[in-house]
C-alpha atoms as a PDB file:
ATOM      1  CA  MET A   1       0.000   0.000   0.000  1.00  0.00           C
ATOM      2  CA  MET A   2       1.417   3.370  -1.041  1.00  0.00           C
ATOM      3  CA  ILE A   3       0.167   6.618   0.410  1.00  0.00           C
ATOM      4  CA  LEU A   4       1.258   9.754  -1.325  1.00  0.00           C
ATOM      5  CA  VAL A   5       1.085  12.635   1.077  1.00  0.00           C
ATOM      6  CA  ALA A   6       2.233  15.381  -1.290  1.00  0.00           C
ATOM      7  CA  GLN A   7       3.270  14.965  -4.887  1.00  0.00           C
ATOM      8  CA  ALA A   8       4.125  17.143  -7.831  1.00  0.00           C
ATOM      9  CA  LYS A   9       2.353  16.489 -11.080  1.00  0.00           C
ATOM     10  CA  ASP A  10       4.287  14.894 -13.907  1.00  0.00           C
ATOM     11  CA  THR A  11       5.138  17.734 -16.270  1.00  0.00           C
ATOM     12  CA  SER A  12       5.686  15.264 -19.117  1.00  0.00           C
ATOM     13  CA  THR A  13       1.907  14.724 -19.279  1.00  0.00           C
ATOM     14  CA  GLY A  14       1.418  18.248 -20.562  1.00  0.00           C
ATOM     15  CA  ASN A  15      -0.047  19.529 -17.295  1.00  0.00           C
ATOM     16  CA  SER A  16       0.903  23.207 -17.048  1.00  0.00           C
ATOM     17  CA  ALA A  17       1.007  23.279 -13.242  1.00  0.00           C
ATOM     18  CA  PRO A  18       4.525  23.896 -11.924  1.00  0.00           C
ATOM     19  CA  PRO A  19       6.211  20.954 -10.190  1.00  0.00           C
ATOM     20  CA  MET A  20       6.297  20.990  -6.416  1.00  0.00           C
ATOM     21  CA  ASP A  21       9.740  21.128  -4.851  1.00  0.00           C
ATOM     22  CA  TYR A  22       8.556  18.972  -1.921  1.00  0.00           C
ATOM     23  CA  ALA A  23       7.069  15.492  -1.787  1.00  0.00           C
ATOM     24  CA  ARG A  24       6.531  12.798   0.828  1.00  0.00           C
ATOM     25  CA  LEU A  25       5.758   9.152   0.111  1.00  0.00           C
ATOM     26  CA  ARG A  26       4.739   6.598   2.731  1.00  0.00           C
ATOM     27  CA  CYS A  27       4.501   2.967   1.699  1.00  0.00           C
ATOM     28  CA  THR A  28       3.732  -0.260   3.519  1.00  0.00           C
ATOM     29  CA  ILE A  29       5.534  -3.415   2.453  1.00  0.00           C
ATOM     30  CA  GLU A  30       3.379  -6.465   3.148  1.00  0.00           C
ATOM     31  CA  ASN A  31       4.931  -9.875   3.999  1.00  0.00           C
ATOM     32  CA  PHE A  32       8.178  -8.124   4.836  1.00  0.00           C
ATOM     33  CA  SER A  33       9.836 -11.147   6.492  1.00  0.00           C
ATOM     34  CA  LYS A  34       9.170 -13.228   3.374  1.00  0.00           C
ATOM     35  CA  LEU A  35      10.987 -10.881   0.982  1.00  0.00           C
ATOM     36  CA  ASP A  36      13.774 -12.864  -0.608  1.00  0.00           C
ATOM     37  CA  CYS A  37      15.100 -10.108  -2.838  1.00  0.00           C
ATOM     38  CA  ASN A  38      18.199  -8.041  -2.198  1.00  0.00           C
ATOM     39  CA  ASN A  39      16.430  -4.813  -3.139  1.00  0.00           C
ATOM     40  CA  HIS A  40      12.825  -3.695  -2.893  1.00  0.00           C
ATOM     41  CA  TYR A  41      11.648  -0.469  -4.555  1.00  0.00           C
ATOM     42  CA  SER A  42       8.697   1.789  -3.803  1.00  0.00           C
ATOM     43  CA  ASP A  43       6.427   3.202  -6.441  1.00  0.00           C
ATOM     44  CA  ILE A  44       7.723   6.303  -8.201  1.00  0.00           C
ATOM     45  CA  PHE A  45       6.859   9.744  -6.834  1.00  0.00           C
ATOM     46  CA  TYR A  46       7.680  13.264  -8.062  1.00  0.00           C
ATOM     47  CA  ALA A  47       9.550  16.166  -6.465  1.00  0.00           C
ATOM     48  CA  GLY A  48      11.020  19.132  -8.293  1.00  0.00           C
ATOM     49  CA  GLY A  49       9.721  17.735 -11.561  1.00  0.00           C
ATOM     50  CA  TYR A  50      11.823  14.568 -11.261  1.00  0.00           C
ATOM     51  CA  LYS A  51      11.009  10.959 -10.541  1.00  0.00           C
ATOM     52  CA  TRP A  52      12.175   9.415  -7.268  1.00  0.00           C
ATOM     53  CA  LYS A  53      11.809   6.067  -5.526  1.00  0.00           C
ATOM     54  CA  ILE A  54      12.859   4.485  -2.251  1.00  0.00           C
ATOM     55  CA  GLN A  55      15.258   1.552  -2.385  1.00  0.00           C
ATOM     56  CA  ILE A  56      14.982  -0.760   0.621  1.00  0.00           C
ATOM     57  CA  VAL A  57      17.534  -3.488   1.298  1.00  0.00           C
ATOM     58  CA  PRO A  58      15.494  -5.769   3.623  1.00  0.00           C
ATOM     59  CA  LYS A  59      18.394  -7.980   4.702  1.00  0.00           C
ATOM     60  CA  GLY A  60      20.930  -5.137   4.889  1.00  0.00           C
ATOM     61  CA  ASN A  61      23.619  -4.010   2.455  1.00  0.00           C
ATOM     62  CA  TYR A  62      26.371  -6.340   3.752  1.00  0.00           C
ATOM     63  CA  VAL A  63      25.521  -5.317   7.329  1.00  0.00           C
ATOM     64  CA  ASP A  64      23.009  -6.534   9.946  1.00  0.00           C
ATOM     65  CA  PHE A  65      20.937  -3.369   9.493  1.00  0.00           C
ATOM     66  CA  LEU A  66      18.085  -2.354   7.229  1.00  0.00           C
ATOM     67  CA  SER A  67      19.562  -0.149   4.490  1.00  0.00           C
ATOM     68  CA  MET A  68      17.561   2.549   2.643  1.00  0.00           C
ATOM     69  CA  TYR A  69      18.397   4.846  -0.253  1.00  0.00           C
ATOM     70  CA  LEU A  70      16.714   7.622  -2.217  1.00  0.00           C
ATOM     71  CA  VAL A  71      17.033   6.962  -5.959  1.00  0.00           C
ATOM     72  CA  VAL A  72      16.588   9.253  -8.962  1.00  0.00           C
ATOM     73  CA  ALA A  73      14.210   6.945 -10.828  1.00  0.00           C
ATOM     74  CA  ASP A  74      14.594   8.526 -14.265  1.00  0.00           C
ATOM     75  CA  SER A  75      18.381   8.960 -14.207  1.00  0.00           C
ATOM     76  CA  LYS A  76      18.862   7.002 -17.449  1.00  0.00           C
ATOM     77  CA  THR A  77      16.682   9.471 -19.370  1.00  0.00           C
ATOM     78  CA  LEU A  78      18.332  12.650 -18.051  1.00  0.00           C
ATOM     79  CA  PRO A  79      20.957  14.388 -20.227  1.00  0.00           C
ATOM     80  CA  LEU A  80      24.677  13.797 -19.792  1.00  0.00           C
ATOM     81  CA  GLY A  81      26.035  15.824 -16.874  1.00  0.00           C
ATOM     82  CA  TRP A  82      22.706  16.199 -15.042  1.00  0.00           C
ATOM     83  CA  SER A  83      22.618  17.160 -11.382  1.00  0.00           C
ATOM     84  CA  ILE A  84      19.802  17.741  -8.933  1.00  0.00           C
ATOM     85  CA  CYS A  85      20.435  19.797  -5.793  1.00  0.00           C
ATOM     86  CA  VAL A  86      18.376  18.505  -2.886  1.00  0.00           C
ATOM     87  CA  LYS A  87      17.928  20.802   0.090  1.00  0.00           C
ATOM     88  CA  PHE A  88      17.117  17.824   2.324  1.00  0.00           C
ATOM     89  CA  PHE A  89      15.684  14.359   2.280  1.00  0.00           C
ATOM     90  CA  THR A  90      14.650  11.944   4.988  1.00  0.00           C
ATOM     91  CA  LEU A  91      14.203   8.192   4.964  1.00  0.00           C
ATOM     92  CA  SER A  92      12.232   6.731   7.859  1.00  0.00           C
ATOM     93  CA  VAL A  93      10.998   3.431   9.252  1.00  0.00           C
ATOM     94  CA  ILE A  94       7.630   4.087  10.884  1.00  0.00           C
ATOM     95  CA  ASN A  95       6.920   2.693  14.341  1.00  0.00           C
ATOM     96  CA  GLN A  96       3.455   2.078  15.828  1.00  0.00           C
ATOM     97  CA  ASN A  97       4.491   4.617  18.434  1.00  0.00           C
ATOM     98  CA  PRO A  98       5.380   7.721  16.347  1.00  0.00           C
ATOM     99  CA  GLU A  99       7.903   8.840  18.969  1.00  0.00           C
ATOM    100  CA  LEU A 100       9.955   5.701  18.220  1.00  0.00           C
ATOM    101  CA  THR A 101      10.005   6.154  14.437  1.00  0.00           C
ATOM    102  CA  VAL A 102      13.573   5.969  13.084  1.00  0.00           C
ATOM    103  CA  GLU A 103      14.381   8.897  10.793  1.00  0.00           C
ATOM    104  CA  ASN A 104      17.596   9.555   8.887  1.00  0.00           C
ATOM    105  CA  GLU A 105      18.191  12.918   7.221  1.00  0.00           C
ATOM    106  CA  ALA A 106      20.643  14.246   4.659  1.00  0.00           C
ATOM    107  CA  LYS A 107      21.033  17.931   3.802  1.00  0.00           C
ATOM    108  CA  ASN A 108      22.368  19.741   0.750  1.00  0.00           C
ATOM    109  CA  HIS A 109      23.101  16.669  -1.316  1.00  0.00           C
ATOM    110  CA  VAL A 110      23.687  16.734  -5.063  1.00  0.00           C
ATOM    111  CA  PHE A 111      22.476  13.760  -7.050  1.00  0.00           C
ATOM    112  CA  ASN A 112      24.187  13.465 -10.440  1.00  0.00           C
ATOM    113  CA  ASP A 113      25.131  11.055 -13.190  1.00  0.00           C
ATOM    114  CA  ASN A 114      27.944   9.744 -10.974  1.00  0.00           C
ATOM    115  CA  GLY A 115      25.616   9.117  -8.020  1.00  0.00           C
ATOM    116  CA  GLU A 116      21.952   8.492  -8.767  1.00  0.00           C
ATOM    117  CA  SER A 117      21.246   7.189  -5.257  1.00  0.00           C
ATOM    118  CA  TRP A 118      22.185   8.222  -1.757  1.00  0.00           C
ATOM    119  CA  GLY A 119      21.087   7.010   1.614  1.00  0.00           C
ATOM    120  CA  PHE A 120      21.837   5.133   4.768  1.00  0.00           C
ATOM    121  CA  HIS A 121      23.661   1.855   5.144  1.00  0.00           C
ATOM    122  CA  THR A 122      22.654   1.339   8.785  1.00  0.00           C
ATOM    123  CA  VAL A 123      19.098   2.603   9.331  1.00  0.00           C
ATOM    124  CA  ILE A 124      17.988   0.193  12.052  1.00  0.00           C
ATOM    125  CA  PRO A 125      19.458  -3.089  13.345  1.00  0.00           C
ATOM    126  CA  LEU A 126      17.673  -6.071  11.780  1.00  0.00           C
ATOM    127  CA  SER A 127      17.291  -7.608  15.245  1.00  0.00           C
ATOM    128  CA  GLU A 128      15.304  -4.548  16.381  1.00  0.00           C
ATOM    129  CA  LEU A 129      13.313  -4.274  13.146  1.00  0.00           C
ATOM    130  CA  ASN A 130      12.289  -7.943  13.236  1.00  0.00           C
ATOM    131  CA  ASP A 131      11.427  -8.028  16.964  1.00  0.00           C
ATOM    132  CA  PRO A 132       7.589  -7.964  17.123  1.00  0.00           C
ATOM    133  CA  SER A 133       7.677  -6.238  20.519  1.00  0.00           C
ATOM    134  CA  LYS A 134       9.530  -3.200  19.065  1.00  0.00           C
ATOM    135  CA  GLY A 135       6.598  -2.010  16.911  1.00  0.00           C
ATOM    136  CA  PHE A 136       8.259  -1.694  13.493  1.00  0.00           C
ATOM    137  CA  LEU A 137       6.687  -4.787  11.924  1.00  0.00           C
ATOM    138  CA  VAL A 138       2.930  -4.994  12.368  1.00  0.00           C
ATOM    139  CA  ARG A 139       1.322  -8.185  11.033  1.00  0.00           C
ATOM    140  CA  ASP A 140       4.523  -8.662   8.999  1.00  0.00           C
ATOM    141  CA  ALA A 141       4.160  -5.257   7.328  1.00  0.00           C
ATOM    142  CA  CYS A 142       6.888  -2.601   7.403  1.00  0.00           C
ATOM    143  CA  THR A 143       6.046   1.043   6.690  1.00  0.00           C
ATOM    144  CA  VAL A 144       8.727   3.340   5.312  1.00  0.00           C
ATOM    145  CA  GLU A 145       8.636   6.978   4.290  1.00  0.00           C
ATOM    146  CA  ALA A 146      10.682   9.382   2.193  1.00  0.00           C
ATOM    147  CA  GLU A 147      10.553  13.173   2.169  1.00  0.00           C
ATOM    148  CA  VAL A 148      12.381  15.175  -0.498  1.00  0.00           C
ATOM    149  CA  ARG A 149      12.806  18.920  -0.977  1.00  0.00           C
ATOM    150  CA  VAL A 150      14.580  19.938  -4.155  1.00  0.00           C
ATOM    151  CA  ASN A 151      16.512  23.195  -3.974  1.00  0.00           C
ATOM    152  CA  SER A 152      14.428  25.448  -6.211  1.00  0.00           C
ATOM    153  CA  GLU A 153      17.136  28.136  -6.399  1.00  0.00           C
ATOM    154  CA  GLU A 154      19.604  25.719  -7.955  1.00  0.00           C
ATOM    155  CA  HIS A 155      16.919  23.474  -9.438  1.00  0.00           C
ATOM    156  CA  VAL A 156      18.744  21.292 -11.922  1.00  0.00           C
ATOM    157  CA  LYS A 157      21.820  22.274 -13.826  1.00  0.00           C
ATOM    158  CA  ARG A 158      22.381  20.306 -16.978  1.00  0.00           C
ATOM    159  CA  GLU A 159      25.884  20.542 -18.310  1.00  0.00           C
ATOM    160  CA  ASN A 160      26.739  19.831 -21.898  1.00  0.00           C
ATOM    161  CA  ARG A 161      30.277  18.524 -21.432  1.00  0.00           C
ATOM    162  CA  GLU A 162      31.194  18.604 -25.122  1.00  0.00           C
ATOM    163  CA  ALA A 163      30.382  22.294 -25.505  1.00  0.00           C
ATOM    164  CA  ASP A 164      31.379  23.306 -21.958  1.00  0.00           C
ATOM    165  CA  GLN A 165      28.189  25.250 -21.500  1.00  0.00           C
ATOM    166  CA  VAL A 166      25.425  25.080 -18.940  1.00  0.00           C
ATOM    167  CA  ILE A 167      21.918  24.471 -20.238  1.00  0.00           C
ATOM    168  CA  MET A 168      19.371  25.844 -17.811  1.00  0.00           C
ATOM    169  CA  PRO A 169      16.196  23.810 -17.196  1.00  0.00           C
ATOM    170  CA  ASP A 170      12.922  24.831 -18.810  1.00  0.00           C
ATOM    171  CA  VAL A 171      10.977  27.466 -16.887  1.00  0.00           C
ATOM    172  CA  TYR A 172       7.859  25.899 -15.380  1.00  0.00           C
END
């Protein structure tokens, strides 16, 4: 189950509304303990006119912790030299008791064609996540959330490396 709390509209659909610089996506992963994949991805959501998704590593990224990353979902379609300045983003594991929710935050990060994802290797110990008494897994469902705010002042700079010139993004 995915719950989109705030989302920009996809400008590729021809909608003339400007993209929102902020978005938050909350999703619940059912049958979490039965996931046998190395990576699990959320649905795509939009912030700053770009597609994003949450990457969850249920068994940890070579550590005994849940790992989570924010991914630029459309990185393969962006022009050579793209970069997106993000004012902040958070990746959270939601607890039944909101005061115990685990939240990780990054500020002033630049996503680019050399780094389409960024996140946290050690979000929460797997032993704590999988302990039913801790409140993170409810009926074998894990709820995660991402918040993203794109820096509107430095929106996206697209660099044409061959011509050594900066191509500014379209005005929305």
